[in-house]
Amino acid sequence: MLTTRSLSSTLDRMLSLNQAFDDAFFSGAHDGAARVWVPALDVAERKDAYLITLDLPGVDPKDVDLSFEQNVLTIRGTKPSTLVASPDEGEMRVYANERVSGTFERSVRLPEFVDGDRIAAHATHGVLEITVPKAQAAQPRKIEIRHTQPQVSA
């Protein structure tokens, strides 16, 4: 079942803070000299893990660096420009340059109880999917109530 409501208030606040940070630092870089690309990112929560998905079309997975430190998952990389002229071809006249390229960085602060040693990532058709398992302590569990007979004093 898919729901689009807020996952949890803590995770929702962290994602809002991440978005505000991205907007503050990257929205004004339109002067051509410092092109910054911010790939689209989705974060979802399952009972056992957080799922993070990024659209990285045209990015080779070996050009992506994924790190996890102090509960912050950071994805960095570079999307090369397709408008690179070789010296053999001479001058190139560009009439439109709307496809973004350049370096990118996205960070997601995760809740405290995740298993950083078991983070897994794979890329398929320009989509990077990262699974961050929750720690056993954070997963809900059923506690069995044991029944004991009272001791009778003789």
N, C-alpha and C. Protein backbone atom coordinates (compact mmCIF):
# COMPACT_ATOMS: atom_id res chain seq x y z
N MET A 1 0.84 -1.17 0.00
CA MET A 1 0.00 0.00 0.00
C MET A 1 0.89 1.24 0.00
N LEU A 2 0.58 2.19 -0.83
CA LEU A 2 1.36 3.41 -0.96
C LEU A 2 0.58 4.57 -0.37
N THR A 3 1.23 5.29 0.52
CA THR A 3 0.61 6.49 1.07
C THR A 3 1.55 7.65 0.84
N THR A 4 0.99 8.83 0.66
CA THR A 4 1.82 10.01 0.42
C THR A 4 1.78 10.98 1.58
N ARG A 5 1.21 10.58 2.69
CA ARG A 5 1.18 11.46 3.85
C ARG A 5 2.55 11.49 4.52
N SER A 6 2.72 12.34 5.46
CA SER A 6 3.99 12.46 6.16
C SER A 6 4.36 11.14 6.81
N LEU A 7 5.63 10.77 6.69
CA LEU A 7 6.09 9.50 7.24
C LEU A 7 6.08 9.52 8.76
N SER A 8 6.80 10.43 9.30
CA SER A 8 6.82 10.63 10.74
C SER A 8 7.21 12.08 10.94
N SER A 9 6.84 12.63 12.04
CA SER A 9 7.11 14.04 12.23
C SER A 9 8.60 14.34 12.25
N THR A 10 9.41 13.45 12.82
CA THR A 10 10.86 13.69 12.85
C THR A 10 11.45 13.64 11.45
N LEU A 11 11.13 12.59 10.69
CA LEU A 11 11.66 12.46 9.34
C LEU A 11 11.14 13.59 8.45
N ASP A 12 9.88 13.96 8.61
CA ASP A 12 9.29 15.04 7.83
C ASP A 12 10.03 16.35 8.08
N ARG A 13 10.34 16.65 9.34
CA ARG A 13 11.08 17.88 9.66
C ARG A 13 12.48 17.85 9.07
N MET A 14 13.12 16.67 9.12
CA MET A 14 14.48 16.56 8.56
C MET A 14 14.46 16.79 7.05
N LEU A 15 13.48 16.22 6.35
CA LEU A 15 13.39 16.41 4.91
C LEU A 15 13.08 17.86 4.56
N SER A 16 12.24 18.52 5.35
CA SER A 16 11.94 19.93 5.13
C SER A 16 13.19 20.78 5.29
N LEU A 17 13.99 20.46 6.30
CA LEU A 17 15.25 21.18 6.51
C LEU A 17 16.21 20.96 5.36
N ASN A 18 16.31 19.72 4.87
CA ASN A 18 17.16 19.43 3.72
C ASN A 18 16.72 20.24 2.50
N GLN A 19 15.40 20.32 2.26
CA GLN A 19 14.88 21.05 1.11
C GLN A 19 15.16 22.54 1.25
N ALA A 20 15.01 23.08 2.44
CA ALA A 20 15.31 24.51 2.66
C ALA A 20 16.78 24.79 2.41
N PHE A 21 17.64 23.88 2.84
CA PHE A 21 19.08 24.03 2.62
C PHE A 21 19.38 24.03 1.12
N ASP A 22 18.82 23.07 0.39
CA ASP A 22 19.03 23.00 -1.05
C ASP A 22 18.54 24.26 -1.74
N ASP A 23 17.36 24.74 -1.37
CA ASP A 23 16.81 25.95 -1.98
C ASP A 23 17.68 27.16 -1.71
N ALA A 24 18.18 27.28 -0.49
CA ALA A 24 18.97 28.46 -0.12
C ALA A 24 20.31 28.50 -0.85
N PHE A 25 20.94 27.34 -1.03
CA PHE A 25 22.28 27.34 -1.59
C PHE A 25 22.32 27.11 -3.09
N PHE A 26 21.29 26.48 -3.66
CA PHE A 26 21.41 26.09 -5.05
C PHE A 26 20.44 26.79 -5.99
N SER A 27 19.43 27.46 -5.49
CA SER A 27 18.44 28.05 -6.38
C SER A 27 18.96 29.29 -7.09
N GLY A 28 19.97 29.96 -6.57
CA GLY A 28 20.46 31.19 -7.19
C GLY A 28 21.59 31.00 -8.17
N ALA A 29 21.97 29.77 -8.44
CA ALA A 29 23.13 29.54 -9.31
C ALA A 29 22.70 29.40 -10.76
N HIS A 30 22.25 30.49 -11.37
CA HIS A 30 21.80 30.45 -12.76
C HIS A 30 22.63 31.34 -13.66
N ASP A 31 23.81 31.71 -13.26
CA ASP A 31 24.59 32.65 -14.05
C ASP A 31 25.42 31.97 -15.13
N GLY A 32 25.33 30.65 -15.27
CA GLY A 32 26.07 29.94 -16.30
C GLY A 32 27.46 29.55 -15.85
N ALA A 33 28.11 30.36 -15.06
CA ALA A 33 29.47 30.05 -14.62
C ALA A 33 29.46 28.95 -13.57
N ALA A 34 28.50 28.97 -12.69
CA ALA A 34 28.43 27.99 -11.61
C ALA A 34 27.12 27.23 -11.72
N ARG A 35 27.05 26.32 -12.69
CA ARG A 35 25.83 25.54 -12.86
C ARG A 35 25.80 24.44 -11.83
N VAL A 36 24.73 24.39 -11.11
CA VAL A 36 24.57 23.38 -10.08
C VAL A 36 23.34 22.56 -10.43
N TRP A 37 23.47 21.29 -10.29
CA TRP A 37 22.37 20.39 -10.59
C TRP A 37 21.93 19.72 -9.31
N VAL A 38 20.65 19.75 -9.04
CA VAL A 38 20.09 19.10 -7.86
C VAL A 38 19.14 18.01 -8.35
N PRO A 39 19.59 16.75 -8.34
CA PRO A 39 18.73 15.68 -8.84
C PRO A 39 17.51 15.48 -7.94
N ALA A 40 16.41 15.08 -8.57
CA ALA A 40 15.17 14.81 -7.84
C ALA A 40 15.39 13.64 -6.88
N LEU A 41 14.78 13.73 -5.70
CA LEU A 41 14.99 12.76 -4.65
C LEU A 41 13.65 12.40 -4.02
N ASP A 42 13.44 11.12 -3.79
CA ASP A 42 12.27 10.63 -3.05
C ASP A 42 12.77 9.89 -1.82
N VAL A 43 12.06 10.03 -0.70
CA VAL A 43 12.36 9.27 0.51
C VAL A 43 11.06 8.64 0.97
N ALA A 44 11.10 7.34 1.19
CA ALA A 44 9.92 6.61 1.66
C ALA A 44 10.33 5.74 2.83
N GLU A 45 9.35 5.35 3.63
CA GLU A 45 9.62 4.52 4.80
C GLU A 45 8.80 3.26 4.73
N ARG A 46 9.47 2.14 4.93
CA ARG A 46 8.80 0.86 5.12
C ARG A 46 8.95 0.48 6.58
N LYS A 47 8.33 -0.60 6.95
CA LYS A 47 8.42 -1.07 8.33
C LYS A 47 9.87 -1.37 8.72
N ASP A 48 10.67 -1.86 7.76
CA ASP A 48 12.02 -2.32 8.07
C ASP A 48 13.15 -1.44 7.52
N ALA A 49 12.81 -0.42 6.69
CA ALA A 49 13.89 0.35 6.05
C ALA A 49 13.37 1.67 5.50
N TYR A 50 14.32 2.58 5.23
CA TYR A 50 14.06 3.81 4.50
C TYR A 50 14.53 3.59 3.07
N LEU A 51 13.76 4.05 2.11
CA LEU A 51 14.10 3.91 0.70
C LEU A 51 14.34 5.29 0.12
N ILE A 52 15.50 5.49 -0.47
CA ILE A 52 15.86 6.77 -1.05
C ILE A 52 16.13 6.54 -2.53
N THR A 53 15.48 7.31 -3.38
CA THR A 53 15.60 7.15 -4.81
C THR A 53 15.96 8.48 -5.44
N LEU A 54 16.97 8.48 -6.31
CA LEU A 54 17.39 9.69 -7.02
C LEU A 54 17.36 9.44 -8.52
N ASP A 55 16.92 10.44 -9.26
CA ASP A 55 16.99 10.39 -10.71
C ASP A 55 18.35 10.93 -11.13
N LEU A 56 19.16 10.07 -11.75
CA LEU A 56 20.50 10.44 -12.19
C LEU A 56 20.71 10.08 -13.66
N PRO A 57 19.87 10.60 -14.57
CA PRO A 57 20.03 10.25 -15.97
C PRO A 57 21.37 10.76 -16.52
N GLY A 58 22.05 9.91 -17.26
CA GLY A 58 23.31 10.29 -17.85
C GLY A 58 24.50 10.26 -16.91
N VAL A 59 24.31 9.76 -15.69
CA VAL A 59 25.39 9.70 -14.72
C VAL A 59 25.83 8.25 -14.58
N ASP A 60 27.12 8.02 -14.79
CA ASP A 60 27.69 6.68 -14.62
C ASP A 60 27.77 6.39 -13.11
N PRO A 61 27.27 5.24 -12.66
CA PRO A 61 27.32 4.93 -11.22
C PRO A 61 28.72 5.03 -10.62
N LYS A 62 29.76 4.79 -11.40
CA LYS A 62 31.11 4.90 -10.85
C LYS A 62 31.52 6.35 -10.60
N ASP A 63 30.74 7.31 -11.11
CA ASP A 63 30.99 8.73 -10.85
C ASP A 63 30.16 9.26 -9.68
N VAL A 64 29.56 8.35 -8.91
CA VAL A 64 28.73 8.72 -7.77
C VAL A 64 29.42 8.22 -6.50
N ASP A 65 29.49 9.10 -5.51
CA ASP A 65 30.07 8.76 -4.21
C ASP A 65 28.96 8.77 -3.18
N LEU A 66 28.81 7.68 -2.48
CA LEU A 66 27.77 7.53 -1.46
C LEU A 66 28.46 7.35 -0.12
N SER A 67 28.13 8.22 0.86
CA SER A 67 28.75 8.10 2.18
C SER A 67 27.69 8.24 3.27
N PHE A 68 27.99 7.68 4.43
CA PHE A 68 27.08 7.73 5.57
C PHE A 68 27.90 8.03 6.81
N GLU A 69 27.63 9.19 7.42
CA GLU A 69 28.38 9.61 8.60
C GLU A 69 27.45 10.39 9.52
N GLN A 70 27.44 10.03 10.79
CA GLN A 70 26.62 10.67 11.82
C GLN A 70 25.16 10.79 11.38
N ASN A 71 24.63 9.69 10.87
CA ASN A 71 23.25 9.55 10.42
C ASN A 71 22.87 10.47 9.26
N VAL A 72 23.86 10.93 8.51
CA VAL A 72 23.60 11.71 7.30
C VAL A 72 24.09 10.91 6.11
N LEU A 73 23.18 10.59 5.21
CA LEU A 73 23.52 9.92 3.97
C LEU A 73 23.77 10.99 2.92
N THR A 74 24.95 10.97 2.29
CA THR A 74 25.31 11.99 1.31
C THR A 74 25.61 11.32 -0.02
N ILE A 75 25.01 11.86 -1.08
CA ILE A 75 25.23 11.38 -2.44
C ILE A 75 25.87 12.51 -3.22
N ARG A 76 27.09 12.27 -3.75
CA ARG A 76 27.81 13.28 -4.54
C ARG A 76 28.17 12.67 -5.88
N GLY A 77 28.27 13.53 -6.87
CA GLY A 77 28.69 13.02 -8.16
C GLY A 77 28.80 14.11 -9.19
N THR A 78 29.03 13.68 -10.42
CA THR A 78 29.18 14.61 -11.53
C THR A 78 28.42 14.07 -12.73
N LYS A 79 27.68 14.95 -13.35
CA LYS A 79 27.01 14.62 -14.61
C LYS A 79 27.76 15.36 -15.71
N PRO A 80 28.42 14.62 -16.60
CA PRO A 80 29.23 15.29 -17.62
C PRO A 80 28.36 16.00 -18.66
N SER A 81 28.91 17.04 -19.23
CA SER A 81 28.23 17.75 -20.30
C SER A 81 28.35 16.94 -21.58
N THR A 82 27.30 16.95 -22.38
CA THR A 82 27.35 16.27 -23.67
C THR A 82 27.86 17.21 -24.75
N LEU A 83 28.06 18.47 -24.42
CA LEU A 83 28.53 19.46 -25.39
C LEU A 83 30.02 19.72 -25.22
N VAL A 84 30.81 18.69 -25.41
CA VAL A 84 32.25 18.82 -25.30
C VAL A 84 32.83 18.68 -26.70
N ALA A 85 33.43 19.74 -27.19
CA ALA A 85 34.02 19.72 -28.52
C ALA A 85 35.45 19.23 -28.45
N SER A 86 35.78 18.35 -29.36
CA SER A 86 37.17 17.90 -29.42
C SER A 86 37.95 18.85 -30.33
N PRO A 87 39.25 18.97 -30.14
CA PRO A 87 40.06 19.87 -30.98
C PRO A 87 40.00 19.50 -32.46
N ASP A 88 39.74 18.22 -32.76
CA ASP A 88 39.68 17.77 -34.15
C ASP A 88 38.47 18.34 -34.89
N GLU A 89 37.39 18.59 -34.15
CA GLU A 89 36.14 19.04 -34.77
C GLU A 89 36.08 20.54 -34.97
N GLY A 90 36.99 21.28 -34.40
CA GLY A 90 37.00 22.73 -34.56
C GLY A 90 35.99 23.40 -33.67
N GLU A 91 35.55 24.58 -34.10
CA GLU A 91 34.62 25.38 -33.31
C GLU A 91 33.23 24.77 -33.29
N MET A 92 32.57 24.88 -32.14
CA MET A 92 31.19 24.41 -32.03
C MET A 92 30.32 25.58 -31.63
N ARG A 93 29.26 25.77 -32.34
CA ARG A 93 28.30 26.83 -32.04
C ARG A 93 27.10 26.18 -31.36
N VAL A 94 26.78 26.62 -30.16
CA VAL A 94 25.69 26.04 -29.38
C VAL A 94 24.48 26.96 -29.48
N TYR A 95 23.34 26.41 -29.89
CA TYR A 95 22.12 27.19 -30.03
C TYR A 95 21.19 27.05 -28.84
N ALA A 96 21.31 25.95 -28.13
CA ALA A 96 20.52 25.74 -26.92
C ALA A 96 21.34 24.85 -25.99
N ASN A 97 21.30 25.17 -24.72
CA ASN A 97 22.03 24.39 -23.73
C ASN A 97 21.17 24.30 -22.47
N GLU A 98 20.13 23.46 -22.55
CA GLU A 98 19.18 23.35 -21.45
C GLU A 98 19.41 22.11 -20.59
N ARG A 99 20.16 21.15 -21.11
CA ARG A 99 20.40 19.93 -20.34
C ARG A 99 21.45 20.23 -19.27
N VAL A 100 21.09 19.93 -18.04
CA VAL A 100 21.98 20.28 -16.94
C VAL A 100 23.15 19.32 -16.87
N SER A 101 24.25 19.85 -16.36
CA SER A 101 25.44 19.05 -16.13
C SER A 101 26.18 19.70 -14.96
N GLY A 102 27.17 19.00 -14.48
CA GLY A 102 27.97 19.55 -13.38
C GLY A 102 27.92 18.65 -12.17
N THR A 103 28.43 19.18 -11.08
CA THR A 103 28.48 18.40 -9.85
C THR A 103 27.16 18.52 -9.10
N PHE A 104 26.89 17.53 -8.29
CA PHE A 104 25.70 17.56 -7.46
C PHE A 104 26.01 16.95 -6.11
N GLU A 105 25.22 17.33 -5.14
CA GLU A 105 25.32 16.76 -3.80
C GLU A 105 23.95 16.83 -3.15
N ARG A 106 23.50 15.72 -2.62
CA ARG A 106 22.26 15.67 -1.85
C ARG A 106 22.56 14.97 -0.55
N SER A 107 22.02 15.47 0.54
CA SER A 107 22.20 14.85 1.85
C SER A 107 20.84 14.66 2.50
N VAL A 108 20.69 13.53 3.17
CA VAL A 108 19.46 13.22 3.88
C VAL A 108 19.85 12.82 5.30
N ARG A 109 19.37 13.56 6.28
CA ARG A 109 19.58 13.19 7.68
C ARG A 109 18.51 12.17 8.04
N LEU A 110 18.97 11.03 8.55
CA LEU A 110 18.07 9.95 8.89
C LEU A 110 17.88 9.86 10.39
N PRO A 111 16.78 9.26 10.82
CA PRO A 111 16.58 9.08 12.26
C PRO A 111 17.71 8.27 12.87
N GLU A 112 17.77 8.28 14.17
CA GLU A 112 18.89 7.70 14.91
C GLU A 112 19.06 6.20 14.71
N PHE A 113 17.99 5.46 14.64
CA PHE A 113 18.09 4.01 14.66
C PHE A 113 18.09 3.40 13.26
N VAL A 114 19.20 3.53 12.54
CA VAL A 114 19.37 2.87 11.26
C VAL A 114 20.63 2.02 11.31
N ASP A 115 20.68 1.02 10.45
CA ASP A 115 21.83 0.11 10.41
C ASP A 115 22.75 0.54 9.26
N GLY A 116 23.67 1.42 9.56
CA GLY A 116 24.56 1.98 8.55
C GLY A 116 25.46 0.95 7.88
N ASP A 117 25.72 -0.16 8.54
CA ASP A 117 26.59 -1.20 7.97
C ASP A 117 25.89 -2.00 6.88
N ARG A 118 24.58 -1.92 6.80
CA ARG A 118 23.84 -2.71 5.81
C ARG A 118 23.18 -1.86 4.72
N ILE A 119 23.61 -0.62 4.56
CA ILE A 119 23.07 0.22 3.49
C ILE A 119 23.45 -0.39 2.15
N ALA A 120 22.48 -0.47 1.26
CA ALA A 120 22.71 -1.05 -0.07
C ALA A 120 22.23 -0.06 -1.13
N ALA A 121 22.92 -0.05 -2.27
CA ALA A 121 22.54 0.85 -3.36
C ALA A 121 22.72 0.13 -4.69
N HIS A 122 21.81 0.42 -5.61
CA HIS A 122 21.97 -0.08 -6.97
C HIS A 122 21.35 0.91 -7.94
N ALA A 123 21.89 0.92 -9.14
CA ALA A 123 21.44 1.86 -10.17
C ALA A 123 20.91 1.07 -11.35
N THR A 124 19.76 1.52 -11.86
CA THR A 124 19.14 0.91 -13.03
C THR A 124 18.54 2.00 -13.89
N HIS A 125 18.97 2.07 -15.14
CA HIS A 125 18.41 3.02 -16.11
C HIS A 125 18.40 4.46 -15.59
N GLY A 126 19.48 4.89 -14.96
CA GLY A 126 19.59 6.27 -14.50
C GLY A 126 18.86 6.57 -13.20
N VAL A 127 18.43 5.55 -12.49
CA VAL A 127 17.76 5.73 -11.19
C VAL A 127 18.59 5.02 -10.14
N LEU A 128 19.02 5.78 -9.12
CA LEU A 128 19.78 5.22 -8.01
C LEU A 128 18.82 4.92 -6.88
N GLU A 129 18.81 3.67 -6.42
CA GLU A 129 17.94 3.26 -5.32
C GLU A 129 18.81 2.84 -4.14
N ILE A 130 18.55 3.47 -3.00
CA ILE A 130 19.33 3.21 -1.79
C ILE A 130 18.38 2.68 -0.72
N THR A 131 18.76 1.59 -0.08
CA THR A 131 17.97 1.02 1.00
C THR A 131 18.77 1.16 2.29
N VAL A 132 18.18 1.84 3.26
CA VAL A 132 18.81 2.04 4.56
C VAL A 132 17.98 1.26 5.58
N PRO A 133 18.46 0.07 5.98
CA PRO A 133 17.69 -0.73 6.94
C PRO A 133 17.60 -0.06 8.30
N LYS A 134 16.48 -0.26 8.94
CA LYS A 134 16.32 0.21 10.32
C LYS A 134 17.05 -0.77 11.24
N ALA A 135 17.57 -0.27 12.32
CA ALA A 135 18.21 -1.12 13.32
C ALA A 135 17.14 -1.98 13.98
N GLN A 136 17.54 -3.13 14.44
CA GLN A 136 16.59 -4.02 15.11
C GLN A 136 15.88 -3.32 16.25
N ALA A 137 16.57 -2.46 16.98
CA ALA A 137 15.97 -1.77 18.12
C ALA A 137 14.83 -0.86 17.70
N ALA A 138 14.85 -0.38 16.45
CA ALA A 138 13.83 0.56 15.99
C ALA A 138 12.62 -0.14 15.39
N GLN A 139 12.72 -1.42 15.13
CA GLN A 139 11.61 -2.13 14.50
C GLN A 139 10.61 -2.60 15.54
N PRO A 140 9.36 -2.47 15.21
CA PRO A 140 8.33 -2.89 16.17
C PRO A 140 8.40 -4.41 16.38
N ARG A 141 8.13 -4.80 17.59
CA ARG A 141 8.11 -6.22 17.88
C ARG A 141 7.01 -6.50 18.88
N LYS A 142 6.52 -7.70 18.82
CA LYS A 142 5.48 -8.13 19.74
C LYS A 142 6.16 -8.73 20.96
N ILE A 143 5.71 -8.32 22.12
CA ILE A 143 6.27 -8.82 23.37
C ILE A 143 5.27 -9.82 23.95
N GLU A 144 5.76 -11.01 24.16
CA GLU A 144 4.91 -12.06 24.69
C GLU A 144 4.76 -11.90 26.19
N ILE A 145 3.56 -12.04 26.67
CA ILE A 145 3.30 -11.99 28.12
C ILE A 145 3.25 -13.43 28.61
N ARG A 146 4.17 -13.74 29.48
CA ARG A 146 4.22 -15.09 30.02
C ARG A 146 3.31 -15.16 31.23
N HIS A 147 2.64 -16.25 31.31
CA HIS A 147 1.72 -16.46 32.43
C HIS A 147 2.39 -17.39 33.44
N THR A 148 2.44 -16.96 34.67
CA THR A 148 3.01 -17.81 35.72
C THR A 148 1.95 -18.04 36.79
N GLN A 149 1.99 -19.20 37.36
CA GLN A 149 1.05 -19.54 38.43
C GLN A 149 1.57 -18.97 39.74
N PRO A 150 0.70 -18.33 40.52
CA PRO A 150 1.14 -17.83 41.82
C PRO A 150 1.57 -18.98 42.74
N GLN A 151 2.56 -18.73 43.54
CA GLN A 151 3.04 -19.72 44.51
C GLN A 151 2.06 -19.78 45.67
N VAL A 152 1.69 -20.97 46.05
CA VAL A 152 0.77 -21.14 47.18
C VAL A 152 1.59 -21.54 48.40
N SER A 153 1.43 -20.82 49.49
CA SER A 153 2.17 -21.13 50.71
C SER A 153 1.43 -22.19 51.50
N ALA A 154 2.15 -23.11 52.01
CA ALA A 154 1.49 -24.16 52.79
C ALA A 154 1.70 -23.96 54.26
